[in-house]
Amino acid sequence: MPRTSPRKNDLAAIQARRAALKAELDDLDRQAKEAEEAARDAGRSVLLAALDRVKIAAMDKADARAIAKAIAAHDASAIALRLAELETEGPG
């Protein structure tokens, strides 16, 4: 009859391994969250650099907030497309 490894049946070793794996998963979850945060804010520096190159008329906080929310909620290329459509329509 084959002998079983005593390590396979060692409850303390199993629990220790489970705790180590859980700690590793927790660390991976934290890293993923940080990466997602960075990805959500990756375009900020590019946008701010572009804004520094143009003159912007006065606007109130509500308009600025609405523009920022639209950029955050939609793909940047979709926003750029809509703005290009406004450009072709002329002042309005």
PDB file of N, CA and C in Angstrom:
ATOM      1  N   MET A   1       0.845  -1.181   0.000  1.00  0.00           N
ATOM      2  CA  MET A   1       0.000   0.000   0.000  1.00  0.00           C
ATOM      3  C   MET A   1       0.891   1.245   0.000  1.00  0.00           C
ATOM      4  N   PRO A   2       0.603   2.220  -0.875  1.00  0.00           N
ATOM      5  CA  PRO A   2       1.442   3.419  -0.911  1.00  0.00           C
ATOM      6  C   PRO A   2       1.290   4.236   0.363  1.00  0.00           C
ATOM      7  N   ARG A   3       2.414   4.808   0.735  1.00  0.00           N
ATOM      8  CA  ARG A   3       2.378   5.641   1.938  1.00  0.00           C
ATOM      9  C   ARG A   3       1.989   7.063   1.550  1.00  0.00           C
ATOM     10  N   THR A   4       1.177   7.660   2.385  1.00  0.00           N
ATOM     11  CA  THR A   4       0.799   9.049   2.151  1.00  0.00           C
ATOM     12  C   THR A   4       1.789   9.935   2.868  1.00  0.00           C
ATOM     13  N   SER A   5       2.018  11.073   2.260  1.00  0.00           N
ATOM     14  CA  SER A   5       2.935  12.027   2.858  1.00  0.00           C
ATOM     15  C   SER A   5       2.301  12.608   4.111  1.00  0.00           C
ATOM     16  N   PRO A   6       3.032  12.645   5.205  1.00  0.00           N
ATOM     17  CA  PRO A   6       2.448  13.216   6.421  1.00  0.00           C
ATOM     18  C   PRO A   6       2.134  14.707   6.258  1.00  0.00           C
ATOM     19  N   ARG A   7       2.825  15.372   5.343  1.00  0.00           N
ATOM     20  CA  ARG A   7       2.596  16.805   5.122  1.00  0.00           C
ATOM     21  C   ARG A   7       1.197  17.059   4.536  1.00  0.00           C
ATOM     22  N   LYS A   8       0.701  16.165   3.689  1.00  0.00           N
ATOM     23  CA  LYS A   8      -0.606  16.354   3.078  1.00  0.00           C
ATOM     24  C   LYS A   8      -1.723  16.358   4.103  1.00  0.00           C
ATOM     25  N   ASN A   9      -1.535  15.656   5.174  1.00  0.00           N
ATOM     26  CA  ASN A   9      -2.575  15.551   6.193  1.00  0.00           C
ATOM     27  C   ASN A   9      -2.329  16.475   7.374  1.00  0.00           C
ATOM     28  N   ASP A  10      -1.320  17.314   7.286  1.00  0.00           N
ATOM     29  CA  ASP A  10      -0.980  18.200   8.401  1.00  0.00           C
ATOM     30  C   ASP A  10      -1.866  19.439   8.344  1.00  0.00           C
ATOM     31  N   LEU A  11      -2.861  19.497   9.201  1.00  0.00           N
ATOM     32  CA  LEU A  11      -3.826  20.585   9.201  1.00  0.00           C
ATOM     33  C   LEU A  11      -3.152  21.946   9.418  1.00  0.00           C
ATOM     34  N   ALA A  12      -2.185  21.991  10.308  1.00  0.00           N
ATOM     35  CA  ALA A  12      -1.496  23.258  10.572  1.00  0.00           C
ATOM     36  C   ALA A  12      -0.770  23.763   9.326  1.00  0.00           C
ATOM     37  N   ALA A  13      -0.160  22.849   8.586  1.00  0.00           N
ATOM     38  CA  ALA A  13       0.540  23.241   7.358  1.00  0.00           C
ATOM     39  C   ALA A  13      -0.449  23.724   6.309  1.00  0.00           C
ATOM     40  N   ILE A  14      -1.582  23.048   6.213  1.00  0.00           N
ATOM     41  CA  ILE A  14      -2.615  23.455   5.259  1.00  0.00           C
ATOM     42  C   ILE A  14      -3.136  24.841   5.602  1.00  0.00           C
ATOM     43  N   GLN A  15      -3.398  25.058   6.864  1.00  0.00           N
ATOM     44  CA  GLN A  15      -3.907  26.369   7.287  1.00  0.00           C
ATOM     45  C   GLN A  15      -2.874  27.461   7.064  1.00  0.00           C
ATOM     46  N   ALA A  16      -1.613  27.152   7.323  1.00  0.00           N
ATOM     47  CA  ALA A  16      -0.554  28.143   7.101  1.00  0.00           C
ATOM     48  C   ALA A  16      -0.433  28.475   5.616  1.00  0.00           C
ATOM     49  N   ARG A  17      -0.508  27.454   4.779  1.00  0.00           N
ATOM     50  CA  ARG A  17      -0.433  27.682   3.326  1.00  0.00           C
ATOM     51  C   ARG A  17      -1.621  28.501   2.844  1.00  0.00           C
ATOM     52  N   ARG A  18      -2.817  28.186   3.365  1.00  0.00           N
ATOM     53  CA  ARG A  18      -4.025  28.940   3.005  1.00  0.00           C
ATOM     54  C   ARG A  18      -3.875  30.406   3.411  1.00  0.00           C
ATOM     55  N   ALA A  19      -3.337  30.654   4.597  1.00  0.00           N
ATOM     56  CA  ALA A  19      -3.138  32.030   5.064  1.00  0.00           C
ATOM     57  C   ALA A  19      -2.136  32.766   4.174  1.00  0.00           C
ATOM     58  N   ALA A  20      -1.078  32.055   3.775  1.00  0.00           N
ATOM     59  CA  ALA A  20      -0.073  32.682   2.904  1.00  0.00           C
ATOM     60  C   ALA A  20      -0.674  33.009   1.544  1.00  0.00           C
ATOM     61  N   LEU A  21      -1.471  32.092   1.005  1.00  0.00           N
ATOM     62  CA  LEU A  21      -2.112  32.351  -0.288  1.00  0.00           C
ATOM     63  C   LEU A  21      -3.115  33.489  -0.188  1.00  0.00           C
ATOM     64  N   LYS A  22      -3.856  33.543   0.915  1.00  0.00           N
ATOM     65  CA  LYS A  22      -4.823  34.627   1.108  1.00  0.00           C
ATOM     66  C   LYS A  22      -4.107  35.969   1.191  1.00  0.00           C
ATOM     67  N   ALA A  23      -2.978  36.003   1.894  1.00  0.00           N
ATOM     68  CA  ALA A  23      -2.205  37.243   1.989  1.00  0.00           C
ATOM     69  C   ALA A  23      -1.692  37.652   0.612  1.00  0.00           C
ATOM     70  N   GLU A  24      -1.263  36.675  -0.181  1.00  0.00           N
ATOM     71  CA  GLU A  24      -0.781  36.974  -1.534  1.00  0.00           C
ATOM     72  C   GLU A  24      -1.921  37.505  -2.411  1.00  0.00           C
ATOM     73  N   LEU A  25      -3.103  36.901  -2.295  1.00  0.00           N
ATOM     74  CA  LEU A  25      -4.264  37.389  -3.051  1.00  0.00           C
ATOM     75  C   LEU A  25      -4.664  38.787  -2.615  1.00  0.00           C
ATOM     76  N   ASP A  26      -4.624  39.042  -1.315  1.00  0.00           N
ATOM     77  CA  ASP A  26      -4.937  40.381  -0.821  1.00  0.00           C
ATOM     78  C   ASP A  26      -3.968  41.412  -1.396  1.00  0.00           C
ATOM     79  N   ASP A  27      -2.691  41.051  -1.461  1.00  0.00           N
ATOM     80  CA  ASP A  27      -1.686  41.946  -2.023  1.00  0.00           C
ATOM     81  C   ASP A  27      -1.947  42.178  -3.511  1.00  0.00           C
ATOM     82  N   LEU A  28      -2.303  41.119  -4.234  1.00  0.00           N
ATOM     83  CA  LEU A  28      -2.629  41.262  -5.652  1.00  0.00           C
ATOM     84  C   LEU A  28      -3.862  42.142  -5.851  1.00  0.00           C
ATOM     85  N   ASP A  29      -4.865  41.996  -4.993  1.00  0.00           N
ATOM     86  CA  ASP A  29      -6.057  42.845  -5.070  1.00  0.00           C
ATOM     87  C   ASP A  29      -5.688  44.311  -4.865  1.00  0.00           C
ATOM     88  N   ARG A  30      -4.800  44.567  -3.910  1.00  0.00           N
ATOM     89  CA  ARG A  30      -4.358  45.941  -3.648  1.00  0.00           C
ATOM     90  C   ARG A  30      -3.614  46.504  -4.853  1.00  0.00           C
ATOM     91  N   GLN A  31      -2.730  45.697  -5.436  1.00  0.00           N
ATOM     92  CA  GLN A  31      -1.984  46.135  -6.612  1.00  0.00           C
ATOM     93  C   GLN A  31      -2.914  46.409  -7.790  1.00  0.00           C
ATOM     94  N   ALA A  32      -3.906  45.565  -7.974  1.00  0.00           N
ATOM     95  CA  ALA A  32      -4.864  45.753  -9.066  1.00  0.00           C
ATOM     96  C   ALA A  32      -5.657  47.036  -8.858  1.00  0.00           C
ATOM     97  N   LYS A  33      -6.050  47.306  -7.626  1.00  0.00           N
ATOM     98  CA  LYS A  33      -6.799  48.526  -7.328  1.00  0.00           C
ATOM     99  C   LYS A  33      -5.947  49.761  -7.628  1.00  0.00           C
ATOM    100  N   GLU A  34      -4.678  49.729  -7.242  1.00  0.00           N
ATOM    101  CA  GLU A  34      -3.780  50.843  -7.525  1.00  0.00           C
ATOM    102  C   GLU A  34      -3.605  51.038  -9.032  1.00  0.00           C
ATOM    103  N   ALA A  35      -3.476  49.943  -9.763  1.00  0.00           N
ATOM    104  CA  ALA A  35      -3.310  50.027 -11.215  1.00  0.00           C
ATOM    105  C   ALA A  35      -4.568  50.587 -11.873  1.00  0.00           C
ATOM    106  N   GLU A  36      -5.733  50.176 -11.386  1.00  0.00           N
ATOM    107  CA  GLU A  36      -6.994  50.700 -11.922  1.00  0.00           C
ATOM    108  C   GLU A  36      -7.123  52.194 -11.647  1.00  0.00           C
ATOM    109  N   GLU A  37      -6.737  52.626 -10.450  1.00  0.00           N
ATOM    110  CA  GLU A  37      -6.766  54.056 -10.108  1.00  0.00           C
ATOM    111  C   GLU A  37      -5.855  54.838 -11.040  1.00  0.00           C
ATOM    112  N   ALA A  38      -4.651  54.338 -11.252  1.00  0.00           N
ATOM    113  CA  ALA A  38      -3.692  55.020 -12.130  1.00  0.00           C
ATOM    114  C   ALA A  38      -4.218  55.084 -13.556  1.00  0.00           C
ATOM    115  N   ALA A  39      -4.841  54.012 -14.008  1.00  0.00           N
ATOM    116  CA  ALA A  39      -5.371  53.986 -15.378  1.00  0.00           C
ATOM    117  C   ALA A  39      -6.521  54.974 -15.542  1.00  0.00           C
ATOM    118  N   ARG A  40      -7.345  55.118 -14.492  1.00  0.00           N
ATOM    119  CA  ARG A  40      -8.463  56.060 -14.577  1.00  0.00           C
ATOM    120  C   ARG A  40      -7.989  57.507 -14.668  1.00  0.00           C
ATOM    121  N   ASP A  41      -6.792  57.786 -14.157  1.00  0.00           N
ATOM    122  CA  ASP A  41      -6.298  59.158 -14.129  1.00  0.00           C
ATOM    123  C   ASP A  41      -5.133  59.376 -15.098  1.00  0.00           C
ATOM    124  N   ALA A  42      -4.905  58.431 -15.993  1.00  0.00           N
ATOM    125  CA  ALA A  42      -3.735  58.481 -16.878  1.00  0.00           C
ATOM    126  C   ALA A  42      -3.771  59.646 -17.855  1.00  0.00           C
ATOM    127  N   GLY A  43      -4.938  60.130 -18.223  1.00  0.00           N
ATOM    128  CA  GLY A  43      -5.026  61.199 -19.209  1.00  0.00           C
ATOM    129  C   GLY A  43      -4.958  62.602 -18.638  1.00  0.00           C
ATOM    130  N   ARG A  44      -4.939  62.730 -17.325  1.00  0.00           N
ATOM    131  CA  ARG A  44      -4.976  64.049 -16.689  1.00  0.00           C
ATOM    132  C   ARG A  44      -3.836  64.952 -17.150  1.00  0.00           C
ATOM    133  N   SER A  45      -2.614  64.454 -17.126  1.00  0.00           N
ATOM    134  CA  SER A  45      -1.470  65.313 -17.468  1.00  0.00           C
ATOM    135  C   SER A  45      -1.532  65.762 -18.931  1.00  0.00           C
ATOM    136  N   VAL A  46      -1.982  64.877 -19.812  1.00  0.00           N
ATOM    137  CA  VAL A  46      -2.093  65.231 -21.236  1.00  0.00           C
ATOM    138  C   VAL A  46      -3.152  66.317 -21.417  1.00  0.00           C
ATOM    139  N   LEU A  47      -4.289  66.145 -20.761  1.00  0.00           N
ATOM    140  CA  LEU A  47      -5.367  67.131 -20.865  1.00  0.00           C
ATOM    141  C   LEU A  47      -4.933  68.482 -20.289  1.00  0.00           C
ATOM    142  N   LEU A  48      -4.309  68.473 -19.117  1.00  0.00           N
ATOM    143  CA  LEU A  48      -3.878  69.735 -18.514  1.00  0.00           C
ATOM    144  C   LEU A  48      -2.834  70.442 -19.379  1.00  0.00           C
ATOM    145  N   ALA A  49      -1.943  69.676 -19.990  1.00  0.00           N
ATOM    146  CA  ALA A  49      -0.948  70.275 -20.884  1.00  0.00           C
ATOM    147  C   ALA A  49      -1.635  70.911 -22.087  1.00  0.00           C
ATOM    148  N   ALA A  50      -2.642  70.249 -22.627  1.00  0.00           N
ATOM    149  CA  ALA A  50      -3.376  70.813 -23.767  1.00  0.00           C
ATOM    150  C   ALA A  50      -4.140  72.061 -23.348  1.00  0.00           C
ATOM    151  N   LEU A  51      -4.740  72.032 -22.166  1.00  0.00           N
ATOM    152  CA  LEU A  51      -5.481  73.200 -21.683  1.00  0.00           C
ATOM    153  C   LEU A  51      -4.564  74.400 -21.455  1.00  0.00           C
ATOM    154  N   ASP A  52      -3.318  74.140 -21.071  1.00  0.00           N
ATOM    155  CA  ASP A  52      -2.355  75.230 -20.865  1.00  0.00           C
ATOM    156  C   ASP A  52      -2.008  75.935 -22.167  1.00  0.00           C
ATOM    157  N   ARG A  53      -2.250  75.302 -23.305  1.00  0.00           N
ATOM    158  CA  ARG A  53      -1.872  75.870 -24.599  1.00  0.00           C
ATOM    159  C   ARG A  53      -2.992  76.674 -25.255  1.00  0.00           C
ATOM    160  N   VAL A  54      -4.171  76.690 -24.660  1.00  0.00           N
ATOM    161  CA  VAL A  54      -5.293  77.414 -25.264  1.00  0.00           C
ATOM    162  C   VAL A  54      -5.878  78.414 -24.272  1.00  0.00           C
ATOM    163  N   LYS A  55      -6.538  79.398 -24.820  1.00  0.00           N
ATOM    164  CA  LYS A  55      -7.241  80.372 -23.985  1.00  0.00           C
ATOM    165  C   LYS A  55      -8.650  79.836 -23.745  1.00  0.00           C
ATOM    166  N   ILE A  56      -9.114  79.963 -22.518  1.00  0.00           N
ATOM    167  CA  ILE A  56     -10.430  79.446 -22.138  1.00  0.00           C
ATOM    168  C   ILE A  56     -11.236  80.590 -21.561  1.00  0.00           C
ATOM    169  N   ALA A  57     -12.397  80.816 -22.129  1.00  0.00           N
ATOM    170  CA  ALA A  57     -13.275  81.880 -21.626  1.00  0.00           C
ATOM    171  C   ALA A  57     -13.746  81.547 -20.217  1.00  0.00           C
ATOM    172  N   ALA A  58     -14.223  82.554 -19.545  1.00  0.00           N
ATOM    173  CA  ALA A  58     -14.723  82.359 -18.183  1.00  0.00           C
ATOM    174  C   ALA A  58     -15.864  81.346 -18.178  1.00  0.00           C
ATOM    175  N   MET A  59     -15.908  80.548 -17.132  1.00  0.00           N
ATOM    176  CA  MET A  59     -17.004  79.599 -16.963  1.00  0.00           C
ATOM    177  C   MET A  59     -17.247  79.434 -15.473  1.00  0.00           C
ATOM    178  N   ASP A  60     -18.456  79.036 -15.137  1.00  0.00           N
ATOM    179  CA  ASP A  60     -18.728  78.832 -13.716  1.00  0.00           C
ATOM    180  C   ASP A  60     -18.346  77.407 -13.314  1.00  0.00           C
ATOM    181  N   LYS A  61     -18.350  77.174 -12.009  1.00  0.00           N
ATOM    182  CA  LYS A  61     -17.929  75.878 -11.492  1.00  0.00           C
ATOM    183  C   LYS A  61     -18.825  74.742 -11.979  1.00  0.00           C
ATOM    184  N   ALA A  62     -20.094  75.013 -12.123  1.00  0.00           N
ATOM    185  CA  ALA A  62     -21.020  73.963 -12.565  1.00  0.00           C
ATOM    186  C   ALA A  62     -20.678  73.485 -13.976  1.00  0.00           C
ATOM    187  N   ASP A  63     -20.358  74.436 -14.859  1.00  0.00           N
ATOM    188  CA  ASP A  63     -19.973  74.049 -16.223  1.00  0.00           C
ATOM    189  C   ASP A  63     -18.661  73.269 -16.217  1.00  0.00           C
ATOM    190  N   ALA A  64     -17.702  73.741 -15.459  1.00  0.00           N
ATOM    191  CA  ALA A  64     -16.408  73.059 -15.381  1.00  0.00           C
ATOM    192  C   ALA A  64     -16.592  71.648 -14.829  1.00  0.00           C
ATOM    193  N   ARG A  65     -17.418  71.520 -13.824  1.00  0.00           N
ATOM    194  CA  ARG A  65     -17.673  70.208 -13.220  1.00  0.00           C
ATOM    195  C   ARG A  65     -18.379  69.290 -14.223  1.00  0.00           C
ATOM    196  N   ALA A  66     -19.321  69.828 -14.972  1.00  0.00           N
ATOM    197  CA  ALA A  66     -20.040  69.031 -15.969  1.00  0.00           C
ATOM    198  C   ALA A  66     -19.091  68.535 -17.053  1.00  0.00           C
ATOM    199  N   ILE A  67     -18.188  69.401 -17.484  1.00  0.00           N
ATOM    200  CA  ILE A  67     -17.207  69.005 -18.498  1.00  0.00           C
ATOM    201  C   ILE A  67     -16.295  67.905 -17.942  1.00  0.00           C
ATOM    202  N   ALA A  68     -15.835  68.086 -16.720  1.00  0.00           N
ATOM    203  CA  ALA A  68     -14.954  67.087 -16.104  1.00  0.00           C
ATOM    204  C   ALA A  68     -15.678  65.745 -15.932  1.00  0.00           C
ATOM    205  N   LYS A  69     -16.936  65.787 -15.519  1.00  0.00           N
ATOM    206  CA  LYS A  69     -17.698  64.551 -15.349  1.00  0.00           C
ATOM    207  C   LYS A  69     -17.910  63.844 -16.683  1.00  0.00           C
ATOM    208  N   ALA A  70     -18.158  64.618 -17.738  1.00  0.00           N
ATOM    209  CA  ALA A  70     -18.344  64.019 -19.060  1.00  0.00           C
ATOM    210  C   ALA A  70     -17.062  63.322 -19.512  1.00  0.00           C
ATOM    211  N   ILE A  71     -15.930  63.948 -19.282  1.00  0.00           N
ATOM    212  CA  ILE A  71     -14.651  63.347 -19.652  1.00  0.00           C
ATOM    213  C   ILE A  71     -14.420  62.076 -18.849  1.00  0.00           C
ATOM    214  N   ALA A  72     -14.772  62.109 -17.564  1.00  0.00           N
ATOM    215  CA  ALA A  72     -14.574  60.934 -16.722  1.00  0.00           C
ATOM    216  C   ALA A  72     -15.522  59.796 -17.088  1.00  0.00           C
ATOM    217  N   ALA A  73     -16.726  60.141 -17.518  1.00  0.00           N
ATOM    218  CA  ALA A  73     -17.740  59.116 -17.773  1.00  0.00           C
ATOM    219  C   ALA A  73     -17.648  58.499 -19.161  1.00  0.00           C
ATOM    220  N   HIS A  74     -17.128  59.235 -20.124  1.00  0.00           N
ATOM    221  CA  HIS A  74     -17.122  58.760 -21.504  1.00  0.00           C
ATOM    222  C   HIS A  74     -15.694  58.624 -22.013  1.00  0.00           C
ATOM    223  N   ASP A  75     -15.541  57.829 -23.022  1.00  0.00           N
ATOM    224  CA  ASP A  75     -14.248  57.664 -23.670  1.00  0.00           C
ATOM    225  C   ASP A  75     -13.786  59.013 -24.222  1.00  0.00           C
ATOM    226  N   ALA A  76     -12.512  59.325 -24.061  1.00  0.00           N
ATOM    227  CA  ALA A  76     -11.981  60.608 -24.505  1.00  0.00           C
ATOM    228  C   ALA A  76     -12.206  60.828 -26.002  1.00  0.00           C
ATOM    229  N   SER A  77     -12.087  59.776 -26.793  1.00  0.00           N
ATOM    230  CA  SER A  77     -12.286  59.946 -28.234  1.00  0.00           C
ATOM    231  C   SER A  77     -13.744  60.278 -28.551  1.00  0.00           C
ATOM    232  N   ALA A  78     -14.685  59.776 -27.769  1.00  0.00           N
ATOM    233  CA  ALA A  78     -16.098  60.109 -27.975  1.00  0.00           C
ATOM    234  C   ALA A  78     -16.346  61.582 -27.661  1.00  0.00           C
ATOM    235  N   ILE A  79     -15.731  62.077 -26.603  1.00  0.00           N
ATOM    236  CA  ILE A  79     -15.859  63.492 -26.252  1.00  0.00           C
ATOM    237  C   ILE A  79     -15.235  64.349 -27.348  1.00  0.00           C
ATOM    238  N   ALA A  80     -14.052  63.959 -27.816  1.00  0.00           N
ATOM    239  CA  ALA A  80     -13.376  64.714 -28.879  1.00  0.00           C
ATOM    240  C   ALA A  80     -14.221  64.737 -30.148  1.00  0.00           C
ATOM    241  N   LEU A  81     -14.862  63.636 -30.482  1.00  0.00           N
ATOM    242  CA  LEU A  81     -15.720  63.573 -31.661  1.00  0.00           C
ATOM    243  C   LEU A  81     -16.893  64.538 -31.531  1.00  0.00           C
ATOM    244  N   ARG A  82     -17.531  64.549 -30.366  1.00  0.00           N
ATOM    245  CA  ARG A  82     -18.662  65.469 -30.148  1.00  0.00           C
ATOM    246  C   ARG A  82     -18.212  66.924 -30.225  1.00  0.00           C
ATOM    247  N   LEU A  83     -17.047  67.208 -29.670  1.00  0.00           N
ATOM    248  CA  LEU A  83     -16.536  68.580 -29.722  1.00  0.00           C
ATOM    249  C   LEU A  83     -16.199  68.975 -31.164  1.00  0.00           C
ATOM    250  N   ALA A  84     -15.672  68.031 -31.931  1.00  0.00           N
ATOM    251  CA  ALA A  84     -15.374  68.315 -33.344  1.00  0.00           C
ATOM    252  C   ALA A  84     -16.687  68.594 -34.093  1.00  0.00           C
ATOM    253  N   GLU A  85     -17.752  67.893 -33.752  1.00  0.00           N
ATOM    254  CA  GLU A  85     -19.048  68.153 -34.371  1.00  0.00           C
ATOM    255  C   GLU A  85     -19.531  69.573 -34.043  1.00  0.00           C
ATOM    256  N   LEU A  86     -19.309  70.000 -32.809  1.00  0.00           N
ATOM    257  CA  LEU A  86     -19.670  71.363 -32.428  1.00  0.00           C
ATOM    258  C   LEU A  86     -18.865  72.385 -33.218  1.00  0.00           C
ATOM    259  N   GLU A  87     -17.601  72.090 -33.459  1.00  0.00           N
ATOM    260  CA  GLU A  87     -16.735  72.981 -34.232  1.00  0.00           C
ATOM    261  C   GLU A  87     -17.267  73.165 -35.640  1.00  0.00           C
ATOM    262  N   THR A  88     -17.739  72.102 -36.251  1.00  0.00           N
ATOM    263  CA  THR A  88     -18.254  72.211 -37.637  1.00  0.00           C
ATOM    264  C   THR A  88     -19.585  72.923 -37.700  1.00  0.00           C
ATOM    265  N   GLU A  89     -20.336  72.921 -36.605  1.00  0.00           N
ATOM    266  CA  GLU A  89     -21.615  73.623 -36.557  1.00  0.00           C
ATOM    267  C   GLU A  89     -21.436  75.132 -36.448  1.00  0.00           C
ATOM    268  N   GLY A  90     -20.287  75.529 -35.924  1.00  0.00           N
ATOM    269  CA  GLY A  90     -20.025  76.960 -35.746  1.00  0.00           C
ATOM    270  C   GLY A  90     -20.498  77.447 -34.397  1.00  0.00           C
ATOM    271  N   PRO A  91     -20.336  78.755 -34.114  1.00  0.00           N
ATOM    272  CA  PRO A  91     -20.732  79.311 -32.820  1.00  0.00           C
ATOM    273  C   PRO A  91     -22.228  79.132 -32.601  1.00  0.00           C
ATOM    274  N   GLY A  92     -22.538  78.828 -31.362  1.00  0.00           N
ATOM    275  CA  GLY A  92     -23.915  78.548 -31.242  1.00  0.00           C
ATOM    276  C   GLY A  92     -24.651  78.960 -30.105  1.00  0.00           C
TER     277      GLY A  92
END
